Amino acid sequence: SGEGKPRIGDDEPRVGPGDCVALPTDEDCAHQLSNDGDNPLRYPCLSTMEEPDVLRHPDSEKVGVFAGAASGGDSNERTYNGCHRIEDAVGY
């Protein structure tokens, strides 16, 4: 229910009840979903929930890492969870 605007790379189509959006996993195609309507935006979200999960946040130039359990999985099973600035990378 509700209406929103997904950002998929440079595209920002409108979505509403009954719409289906598939989000690519390519790091060059960042995605997010924003509620720009007057009502709550509710939607089901499906994921492979595979770990380790490594994701790049291009707007903030950060990398997120989840190991032991995927980002939406049981945090008690997670052996590592962190978000790091890309510019802070160090050599091995």
PDB file of N, CA and C in Angstrom:
ATOM      1  N   SER A   1       0.842  -1.185   0.000  1.00  0.00           N
ATOM      2  CA  SER A   1       0.000   0.000   0.000  1.00  0.00           C
ATOM      3  C   SER A   1       0.883   1.244   0.000  1.00  0.00           C
ATOM      4  N   GLY A   2       0.335   2.341  -0.372  1.00  0.00           N
ATOM      5  CA  GLY A   2       1.076   3.585  -0.447  1.00  0.00           C
ATOM      6  C   GLY A   2       1.738   3.751  -1.799  1.00  0.00           C
ATOM      7  N   GLU A   3       2.502   4.800  -1.921  1.00  0.00           N
ATOM      8  CA  GLU A   3       3.210   5.085  -3.164  1.00  0.00           C
ATOM      9  C   GLU A   3       4.641   5.468  -2.835  1.00  0.00           C
ATOM     10  N   GLY A   4       5.524   5.199  -3.783  1.00  0.00           N
ATOM     11  CA  GLY A   4       6.917   5.536  -3.543  1.00  0.00           C
ATOM     12  C   GLY A   4       7.673   5.712  -4.832  1.00  0.00           C
ATOM     13  N   LYS A   5       8.955   5.933  -4.656  1.00  0.00           N
ATOM     14  CA  LYS A   5       9.826   6.156  -5.792  1.00  0.00           C
ATOM     15  C   LYS A   5      11.101   5.347  -5.566  1.00  0.00           C
ATOM     16  N   PRO A   6      11.284   4.256  -6.336  1.00  0.00           N
ATOM     17  CA  PRO A   6      12.549   3.546  -6.230  1.00  0.00           C
ATOM     18  C   PRO A   6      13.609   4.257  -7.070  1.00  0.00           C
ATOM     19  N   ARG A   7      14.817   4.249  -6.563  1.00  0.00           N
ATOM     20  CA  ARG A   7      15.949   4.720  -7.362  1.00  0.00           C
ATOM     21  C   ARG A   7      16.710   3.467  -7.778  1.00  0.00           C
ATOM     22  N   ILE A   8      16.795   3.255  -9.070  1.00  0.00           N
ATOM     23  CA  ILE A   8      17.502   2.090  -9.619  1.00  0.00           C
ATOM     24  C   ILE A   8      18.525   2.653 -10.598  1.00  0.00           C
ATOM     25  N   GLY A   9      19.753   2.813 -10.142  1.00  0.00           N
ATOM     26  CA  GLY A   9      20.745   3.499 -10.960  1.00  0.00           C
ATOM     27  C   GLY A   9      20.335   4.950 -11.097  1.00  0.00           C
ATOM     28  N   ASP A  10      20.141   5.415 -12.308  1.00  0.00           N
ATOM     29  CA  ASP A  10      19.712   6.797 -12.550  1.00  0.00           C
ATOM     30  C   ASP A  10      18.211   6.927 -12.757  1.00  0.00           C
ATOM     31  N   ASP A  11      17.477   5.801 -12.763  1.00  0.00           N
ATOM     32  CA  ASP A  11      16.032   5.822 -12.992  1.00  0.00           C
ATOM     33  C   ASP A  11      15.284   5.951 -11.674  1.00  0.00           C
ATOM     34  N   GLU A  12      14.171   6.696 -11.684  1.00  0.00           N
ATOM     35  CA  GLU A  12      13.318   6.867 -10.507  1.00  0.00           C
ATOM     36  C   GLU A  12      11.842   6.748 -10.899  1.00  0.00           C
ATOM     37  N   PRO A  13      11.392   5.529 -11.254  1.00  0.00           N
ATOM     38  CA  PRO A  13       9.983   5.358 -11.630  1.00  0.00           C
ATOM     39  C   PRO A  13       9.080   5.443 -10.397  1.00  0.00           C
ATOM     40  N   ARG A  14       7.803   5.704 -10.602  1.00  0.00           N
ATOM     41  CA  ARG A  14       6.817   5.715  -9.509  1.00  0.00           C
ATOM     42  C   ARG A  14       6.297   4.297  -9.321  1.00  0.00           C
ATOM     43  N   VAL A  15       6.026   3.907  -8.078  1.00  0.00           N
ATOM     44  CA  VAL A  15       5.427   2.607  -7.787  1.00  0.00           C
ATOM     45  C   VAL A  15       4.257   2.799  -6.840  1.00  0.00           C
ATOM     46  N   GLY A  16       3.323   1.853  -6.920  1.00  0.00           N
ATOM     47  CA  GLY A  16       2.159   1.882  -6.061  1.00  0.00           C
ATOM     48  C   GLY A  16       1.619   0.476  -5.891  1.00  0.00           C
ATOM     49  N   PRO A  17       0.439   0.347  -5.296  1.00  0.00           N
ATOM     50  CA  PRO A  17      -0.145  -0.974  -5.060  1.00  0.00           C
ATOM     51  C   PRO A  17      -0.195  -1.818  -6.334  1.00  0.00           C
ATOM     52  N   GLY A  18       0.264  -3.063  -6.249  1.00  0.00           N
ATOM     53  CA  GLY A  18       0.243  -3.988  -7.373  1.00  0.00           C
ATOM     54  C   GLY A  18       1.502  -3.972  -8.220  1.00  0.00           C
ATOM     55  N   ASP A  19       2.379  -3.010  -8.012  1.00  0.00           N
ATOM     56  CA  ASP A  19       3.613  -2.958  -8.792  1.00  0.00           C
ATOM     57  C   ASP A  19       4.637  -3.952  -8.244  1.00  0.00           C
ATOM     58  N   CYS A  20       5.517  -4.416  -9.134  1.00  0.00           N
ATOM     59  CA  CYS A  20       6.597  -5.321  -8.762  1.00  0.00           C
ATOM     60  C   CYS A  20       7.893  -4.745  -9.325  1.00  0.00           C
ATOM     61  N   VAL A  21       8.930  -4.709  -8.499  1.00  0.00           N
ATOM     62  CA  VAL A  21      10.210  -4.156  -8.917  1.00  0.00           C
ATOM     63  C   VAL A  21      11.292  -5.192  -8.639  1.00  0.00           C
ATOM     64  N   ALA A  22      12.111  -5.488  -9.631  1.00  0.00           N
ATOM     65  CA  ALA A  22      13.260  -6.376  -9.453  1.00  0.00           C
ATOM     66  C   ALA A  22      14.512  -5.505  -9.437  1.00  0.00           C
ATOM     67  N   LEU A  23      15.320  -5.667  -8.409  1.00  0.00           N
ATOM     68  CA  LEU A  23      16.507  -4.835  -8.256  1.00  0.00           C
ATOM     69  C   LEU A  23      17.756  -5.614  -8.630  1.00  0.00           C
ATOM     70  N   PRO A  24      18.569  -5.089  -9.540  1.00  0.00           N
ATOM     71  CA  PRO A  24      19.793  -5.776  -9.939  1.00  0.00           C
ATOM     72  C   PRO A  24      20.811  -5.775  -8.807  1.00  0.00           C
ATOM     73  N   THR A  25      21.712  -6.744  -8.828  1.00  0.00           N
ATOM     74  CA  THR A  25      22.741  -6.837  -7.794  1.00  0.00           C
ATOM     75  C   THR A  25      24.034  -6.155  -8.207  1.00  0.00           C
ATOM     76  N   ASP A  26      24.088  -5.586  -9.381  1.00  0.00           N
ATOM     77  CA  ASP A  26      25.284  -4.932  -9.895  1.00  0.00           C
ATOM     78  C   ASP A  26      25.653  -3.729  -9.028  1.00  0.00           C
ATOM     79  N   GLU A  27      26.906  -3.628  -8.624  1.00  0.00           N
ATOM     80  CA  GLU A  27      27.333  -2.530  -7.758  1.00  0.00           C
ATOM     81  C   GLU A  27      27.220  -1.170  -8.436  1.00  0.00           C
ATOM     82  N   ASP A  28      27.141  -1.138  -9.769  1.00  0.00           N
ATOM     83  CA  ASP A  28      26.988   0.126 -10.481  1.00  0.00           C
ATOM     84  C   ASP A  28      25.525   0.569 -10.555  1.00  0.00           C
ATOM     85  N   CYS A  29      24.632  -0.205  -9.979  1.00  0.00           N
ATOM     86  CA  CYS A  29      23.207   0.120 -10.043  1.00  0.00           C
ATOM     87  C   CYS A  29      22.638   0.172  -8.624  1.00  0.00           C
ATOM     88  N   ALA A  30      23.021   1.204  -7.894  1.00  0.00           N
ATOM     89  CA  ALA A  30      22.524   1.354  -6.524  1.00  0.00           C
ATOM     90  C   ALA A  30      21.006   1.417  -6.532  1.00  0.00           C
ATOM     91  N   HIS A  31      20.401   0.949  -5.461  1.00  0.00           N
ATOM     92  CA  HIS A  31      18.951   0.999  -5.387  1.00  0.00           C
ATOM     93  C   HIS A  31      18.488   1.367  -3.980  1.00  0.00           C
ATOM     94  N   GLN A  32      17.381   2.075  -3.936  1.00  0.00           N
ATOM     95  CA  GLN A  32      16.730   2.428  -2.693  1.00  0.00           C
ATOM     96  C   GLN A  32      15.266   2.703  -2.998  1.00  0.00           C
ATOM     97  N   LEU A  33      14.427   2.657  -1.975  1.00  0.00           N
ATOM     98  CA  LEU A  33      13.001   2.913  -2.143  1.00  0.00           C
ATOM     99  C   LEU A  33      12.588   3.986  -1.147  1.00  0.00           C
ATOM    100  N   SER A  34      12.045   5.079  -1.648  1.00  0.00           N
ATOM    101  CA  SER A  34      11.648   6.200  -0.808  1.00  0.00           C
ATOM    102  C   SER A  34      10.138   6.383  -0.841  1.00  0.00           C
ATOM    103  N   ASN A  35       9.564   6.667   0.303  1.00  0.00           N
ATOM    104  CA  ASN A  35       8.150   6.997   0.398  1.00  0.00           C
ATOM    105  C   ASN A  35       8.022   8.504   0.228  1.00  0.00           C
ATOM    106  N   ASP A  36       7.504   8.931  -0.906  1.00  0.00           N
ATOM    107  CA  ASP A  36       7.300  10.360  -1.104  1.00  0.00           C
ATOM    108  C   ASP A  36       5.810  10.686  -1.164  1.00  0.00           C
ATOM    109  N   GLY A  37       4.993   9.753  -0.676  1.00  0.00           N
ATOM    110  CA  GLY A  37       3.546   9.962  -0.630  1.00  0.00           C
ATOM    111  C   GLY A  37       3.083  10.397   0.754  1.00  0.00           C
ATOM    112  N   ASP A  38       1.782  10.537   0.907  1.00  0.00           N
ATOM    113  CA  ASP A  38       1.203  10.983   2.174  1.00  0.00           C
ATOM    114  C   ASP A  38       0.897   9.832   3.125  1.00  0.00           C
ATOM    115  N   ASN A  39       0.873   8.592   2.617  1.00  0.00           N
ATOM    116  CA  ASN A  39       0.513   7.433   3.422  1.00  0.00           C
ATOM    117  C   ASN A  39       1.715   6.518   3.614  1.00  0.00           C
ATOM    118  N   PRO A  40       1.670   5.631   4.623  1.00  0.00           N
ATOM    119  CA  PRO A  40       2.773   4.671   4.809  1.00  0.00           C
ATOM    120  C   PRO A  40       2.958   3.808   3.563  1.00  0.00           C
ATOM    121  N   LEU A  41       4.196   3.508   3.244  1.00  0.00           N
ATOM    122  CA  LEU A  41       4.530   2.639   2.124  1.00  0.00           C
ATOM    123  C   LEU A  41       4.850   1.259   2.697  1.00  0.00           C
ATOM    124  N   ARG A  42       4.060   0.275   2.307  1.00  0.00           N
ATOM    125  CA  ARG A  42       4.257  -1.089   2.795  1.00  0.00           C
ATOM    126  C   ARG A  42       4.470  -2.008   1.603  1.00  0.00           C
ATOM    127  N   TYR A  43       5.476  -2.896   1.732  1.00  0.00           N
ATOM    128  CA  TYR A  43       5.787  -3.786   0.614  1.00  0.00           C
ATOM    129  C   TYR A  43       6.510  -5.020   1.123  1.00  0.00           C
ATOM    130  N   PRO A  44       6.319  -6.160   0.462  1.00  0.00           N
ATOM    131  CA  PRO A  44       7.116  -7.349   0.794  1.00  0.00           C
ATOM    132  C   PRO A  44       8.470  -7.234   0.099  1.00  0.00           C
ATOM    133  N   CYS A  45       9.485  -7.781   0.712  1.00  0.00           N
ATOM    134  CA  CYS A  45      10.828  -7.745   0.149  1.00  0.00           C
ATOM    135  C   CYS A  45      11.421  -9.142   0.220  1.00  0.00           C
ATOM    136  N   LEU A  46      11.904  -9.648  -0.896  1.00  0.00           N
ATOM    137  CA  LEU A  46      12.498 -10.977  -0.954  1.00  0.00           C
ATOM    138  C   LEU A  46      13.998 -10.857  -1.194  1.00  0.00           C
ATOM    139  N   SER A  47      14.757 -11.780  -0.598  1.00  0.00           N
ATOM    140  CA  SER A  47      16.199 -11.766  -0.739  1.00  0.00           C
ATOM    141  C   SER A  47      16.726 -13.194  -0.713  1.00  0.00           C
ATOM    142  N   THR A  48      17.906 -13.399  -1.280  1.00  0.00           N
ATOM    143  CA  THR A  48      18.520 -14.724  -1.217  1.00  0.00           C
ATOM    144  C   THR A  48      19.025 -15.021   0.181  1.00  0.00           C
ATOM    145  N   MET A  49      19.301 -13.997   0.967  1.00  0.00           N
ATOM    146  CA  MET A  49      19.802 -14.124   2.342  1.00  0.00           C
ATOM    147  C   MET A  49      21.046 -14.994   2.402  1.00  0.00           C
ATOM    148  N   GLU A  50      21.887 -14.891   1.392  1.00  0.00           N
ATOM    149  CA  GLU A  50      23.132 -15.643   1.387  1.00  0.00           C
ATOM    150  C   GLU A  50      24.216 -14.830   2.076  1.00  0.00           C
ATOM    151  N   GLU A  51      25.130 -15.519   2.701  1.00  0.00           N
ATOM    152  CA  GLU A  51      26.255 -14.835   3.320  1.00  0.00           C
ATOM    153  C   GLU A  51      27.542 -15.476   2.855  1.00  0.00           C
ATOM    154  N   PRO A  52      28.641 -14.795   2.831  1.00  0.00           N
ATOM    155  CA  PRO A  52      28.757 -13.413   3.309  1.00  0.00           C
ATOM    156  C   PRO A  52      28.071 -12.444   2.351  1.00  0.00           C
ATOM    157  N   ASP A  53      27.645 -11.345   2.898  1.00  0.00           N
ATOM    158  CA  ASP A  53      26.985 -10.299   2.130  1.00  0.00           C
ATOM    159  C   ASP A  53      27.887  -9.070   2.160  1.00  0.00           C
ATOM    160  N   VAL A  54      28.329  -8.638   0.984  1.00  0.00           N
ATOM    161  CA  VAL A  54      29.176  -7.450   0.875  1.00  0.00           C
ATOM    162  C   VAL A  54      28.451  -6.475  -0.029  1.00  0.00           C
ATOM    163  N   LEU A  55      28.249  -5.256   0.443  1.00  0.00           N
ATOM    164  CA  LEU A  55      27.529  -4.281  -0.354  1.00  0.00           C
ATOM    165  C   LEU A  55      28.254  -2.949  -0.359  1.00  0.00           C
ATOM    166  N   ARG A  56      28.126  -2.256  -1.467  1.00  0.00           N
ATOM    167  CA  ARG A  56      28.770  -0.951  -1.627  1.00  0.00           C
ATOM    168  C   ARG A  56      27.699   0.132  -1.595  1.00  0.00           C
ATOM    169  N   HIS A  57      27.938   1.156  -0.792  1.00  0.00           N
ATOM    170  CA  HIS A  57      27.037   2.310  -0.707  1.00  0.00           C
ATOM    171  C   HIS A  57      27.678   3.450  -1.510  1.00  0.00           C
ATOM    172  N   PRO A  58      27.292   3.629  -2.788  1.00  0.00           N
ATOM    173  CA  PRO A  58      27.989   4.606  -3.630  1.00  0.00           C
ATOM    174  C   PRO A  58      27.792   6.059  -3.196  1.00  0.00           C
ATOM    175  N   ASP A  59      26.659   6.397  -2.592  1.00  0.00           N
ATOM    176  CA  ASP A  59      26.434   7.789  -2.191  1.00  0.00           C
ATOM    177  C   ASP A  59      27.359   8.208  -1.055  1.00  0.00           C
ATOM    178  N   SER A  60      27.648   7.289  -0.137  1.00  0.00           N
ATOM    179  CA  SER A  60      28.496   7.623   1.008  1.00  0.00           C
ATOM    180  C   SER A  60      29.891   7.019   0.888  1.00  0.00           C
ATOM    181  N   GLU A  61      30.156   6.314  -0.221  1.00  0.00           N
ATOM    182  CA  GLU A  61      31.449   5.668  -0.447  1.00  0.00           C
ATOM    183  C   GLU A  61      31.853   4.782   0.726  1.00  0.00           C
ATOM    184  N   LYS A  62      30.933   3.893   1.112  1.00  0.00           N
ATOM    185  CA  LYS A  62      31.182   2.935   2.179  1.00  0.00           C
ATOM    186  C   LYS A  62      30.935   1.521   1.674  1.00  0.00           C
ATOM    187  N   VAL A  63      31.470   0.553   2.410  1.00  0.00           N
ATOM    188  CA  VAL A  63      31.257  -0.863   2.128  1.00  0.00           C
ATOM    189  C   VAL A  63      30.707  -1.497   3.396  1.00  0.00           C
ATOM    190  N   GLY A  64      29.636  -2.276   3.259  1.00  0.00           N
ATOM    191  CA  GLY A  64      29.072  -3.024   4.377  1.00  0.00           C
ATOM    192  C   GLY A  64      29.417  -4.497   4.225  1.00  0.00           C
ATOM    193  N   VAL A  65      29.739  -5.153   5.335  1.00  0.00           N
ATOM    194  CA  VAL A  65      30.113  -6.564   5.315  1.00  0.00           C
ATOM    195  C   VAL A  65      29.349  -7.287   6.422  1.00  0.00           C
ATOM    196  N   PHE A  66      28.709  -8.410   6.058  1.00  0.00           N
ATOM    197  CA  PHE A  66      27.983  -9.248   7.010  1.00  0.00           C
ATOM    198  C   PHE A  66      28.449 -10.680   6.804  1.00  0.00           C
ATOM    199  N   ALA A  67      28.958 -11.331   7.825  1.00  0.00           N
ATOM    200  CA  ALA A  67      29.431 -12.713   7.715  1.00  0.00           C
ATOM    201  C   ALA A  67      28.850 -13.537   8.858  1.00  0.00           C
ATOM    202  N   GLY A  68      28.595 -14.807   8.604  1.00  0.00           N
ATOM    203  CA  GLY A  68      28.020 -15.701   9.604  1.00  0.00           C
ATOM    204  C   GLY A  68      26.508 -15.771   9.486  1.00  0.00           C
ATOM    205  N   ALA A  69      25.884 -14.671   9.098  1.00  0.00           N
ATOM    206  CA  ALA A  69      24.452 -14.587   8.814  1.00  0.00           C
ATOM    207  C   ALA A  69      24.267 -13.385   7.894  1.00  0.00           C
ATOM    208  N   ALA A  70      23.394 -13.500   6.942  1.00  0.00           N
ATOM    209  CA  ALA A  70      23.169 -12.407   5.993  1.00  0.00           C
ATOM    210  C   ALA A  70      22.638 -11.171   6.714  1.00  0.00           C
ATOM    211  N   SER A  71      22.615 -10.044   6.013  1.00  0.00           N
ATOM    212  CA  SER A  71      22.256  -8.762   6.632  1.00  0.00           C
ATOM    213  C   SER A  71      20.880  -8.769   7.293  1.00  0.00           C
ATOM    214  N   GLY A  72      19.959  -9.551   6.819  1.00  0.00           N
ATOM    215  CA  GLY A  72      18.643  -9.625   7.444  1.00  0.00           C
ATOM    216  C   GLY A  72      18.470 -10.859   8.305  1.00  0.00           C
ATOM    217  N   GLY A  73      19.534 -11.636   8.482  1.00  0.00           N
ATOM    218  CA  GLY A  73      19.470 -12.890   9.236  1.00  0.00           C
ATOM    219  C   GLY A  73      19.644 -12.694  10.729  1.00  0.00           C
ATOM    220  N   ASP A  74      19.833 -13.786  11.416  1.00  0.00           N
ATOM    221  CA  ASP A  74      19.958 -13.791  12.872  1.00  0.00           C
ATOM    222  C   ASP A  74      21.285 -13.159  13.288  1.00  0.00           C
ATOM    223  N   SER A  75      21.232 -11.990  13.909  1.00  0.00           N
ATOM    224  CA  SER A  75      22.456 -11.289  14.288  1.00  0.00           C
ATOM    225  C   SER A  75      23.237 -12.045  15.357  1.00  0.00           C
ATOM    226  N   ASN A  76      22.597 -12.950  16.094  1.00  0.00           N
ATOM    227  CA  ASN A  76      23.307 -13.756  17.091  1.00  0.00           C
ATOM    228  C   ASN A  76      24.273 -14.741  16.432  1.00  0.00           C
ATOM    229  N   GLU A  77      24.008 -15.118  15.187  1.00  0.00           N
ATOM    230  CA  GLU A  77      24.876 -16.036  14.461  1.00  0.00           C
ATOM    231  C   GLU A  77      25.960 -15.299  13.670  1.00  0.00           C
ATOM    232  N   ARG A  78      25.856 -13.998  13.587  1.00  0.00           N
ATOM    233  CA  ARG A  78      26.783 -13.224  12.774  1.00  0.00           C
ATOM    234  C   ARG A  78      28.158 -13.178  13.427  1.00  0.00           C
ATOM    235  N   THR A  79      29.195 -13.507  12.648  1.00  0.00           N
ATOM    236  CA  THR A  79      30.560 -13.467  13.152  1.00  0.00           C
ATOM    237  C   THR A  79      31.237 -12.138  12.840  1.00  0.00           C
ATOM    238  N   TYR A  80      30.699 -11.389  11.895  1.00  0.00           N
ATOM    239  CA  TYR A  80      31.234 -10.066  11.594  1.00  0.00           C
ATOM    240  C   TYR A  80      30.139  -9.214  10.982  1.00  0.00           C
ATOM    241  N   ASN A  81      30.104  -7.952  11.391  1.00  0.00           N
ATOM    242  CA  ASN A  81      29.135  -6.992  10.901  1.00  0.00           C
ATOM    243  C   ASN A  81      29.828  -5.636  10.933  1.00  0.00           C
ATOM    244  N   GLY A  82      30.022  -5.022   9.781  1.00  0.00           N
ATOM    245  CA  GLY A  82      30.689  -3.725   9.790  1.00  0.00           C
ATOM    246  C   GLY A  82      30.404  -2.906   8.558  1.00  0.00           C
ATOM    247  N   CYS A  83      30.530  -1.592   8.706  1.00  0.00           N
ATOM    248  CA  CYS A  83      30.389  -0.657   7.600  1.00  0.00           C
ATOM    249  C   CYS A  83      31.631   0.237   7.640  1.00  0.00           C
ATOM    250  N   HIS A  84      32.323   0.351   6.507  1.00  0.00           N
ATOM    251  CA  HIS A  84      33.621   1.013   6.477  1.00  0.00           C
ATOM    252  C   HIS A  84      33.715   1.972   5.315  1.00  0.00           C
ATOM    253  N   ARG A  85      34.424   3.098   5.522  1.00  0.00           N
ATOM    254  CA  ARG A  85      34.668   4.036   4.438  1.00  0.00           C
ATOM    255  C   ARG A  85      35.679   3.416   3.471  1.00  0.00           C
ATOM    256  N   ILE A  86      35.397   3.486   2.171  1.00  0.00           N
ATOM    257  CA  ILE A  86      36.275   2.931   1.155  1.00  0.00           C
ATOM    258  C   ILE A  86      37.645   3.594   1.218  1.00  0.00           C
ATOM    259  N   GLU A  87      37.682   4.887   1.492  1.00  0.00           N
ATOM    260  CA  GLU A  87      38.956   5.615   1.509  1.00  0.00           C
ATOM    261  C   GLU A  87      39.879   5.158   2.640  1.00  0.00           C
ATOM    262  N   ASP A  88      39.353   4.423   3.631  1.00  0.00           N
ATOM    263  CA  ASP A  88      40.173   3.958   4.737  1.00  0.00           C
ATOM    264  C   ASP A  88      40.846   2.606   4.460  1.00  0.00           C
ATOM    265  N   ALA A  89      40.720   2.093   3.248  1.00  0.00           N
ATOM    266  CA  ALA A  89      41.303   0.795   2.925  1.00  0.00           C
ATOM    267  C   ALA A  89      42.815   0.803   3.155  1.00  0.00           C
ATOM    268  N   VAL A  90      43.315  -0.297   3.660  1.00  0.00           N
ATOM    269  CA  VAL A  90      44.752  -0.452   3.887  1.00  0.00           C
ATOM    270  C   VAL A  90      45.236  -1.683   3.156  1.00  0.00           C
ATOM    271  N   GLY A  91      46.523  -1.788   2.939  1.00  0.00           N
ATOM    272  CA  GLY A  91      47.091  -2.953   2.288  1.00  0.00           C
ATOM    273  C   GLY A  91      47.059  -4.163   3.210  1.00  0.00           C
ATOM    274  N   TYR A  92      47.306  -5.323   2.644  1.00  0.00           N
ATOM    275  CA  TYR A  92      47.279  -6.569   3.414  1.00  0.00           C
ATOM    276  C   TYR A  92      48.402  -6.613   4.408  1.00  0.00           C
TER     277      TYR A  92
END
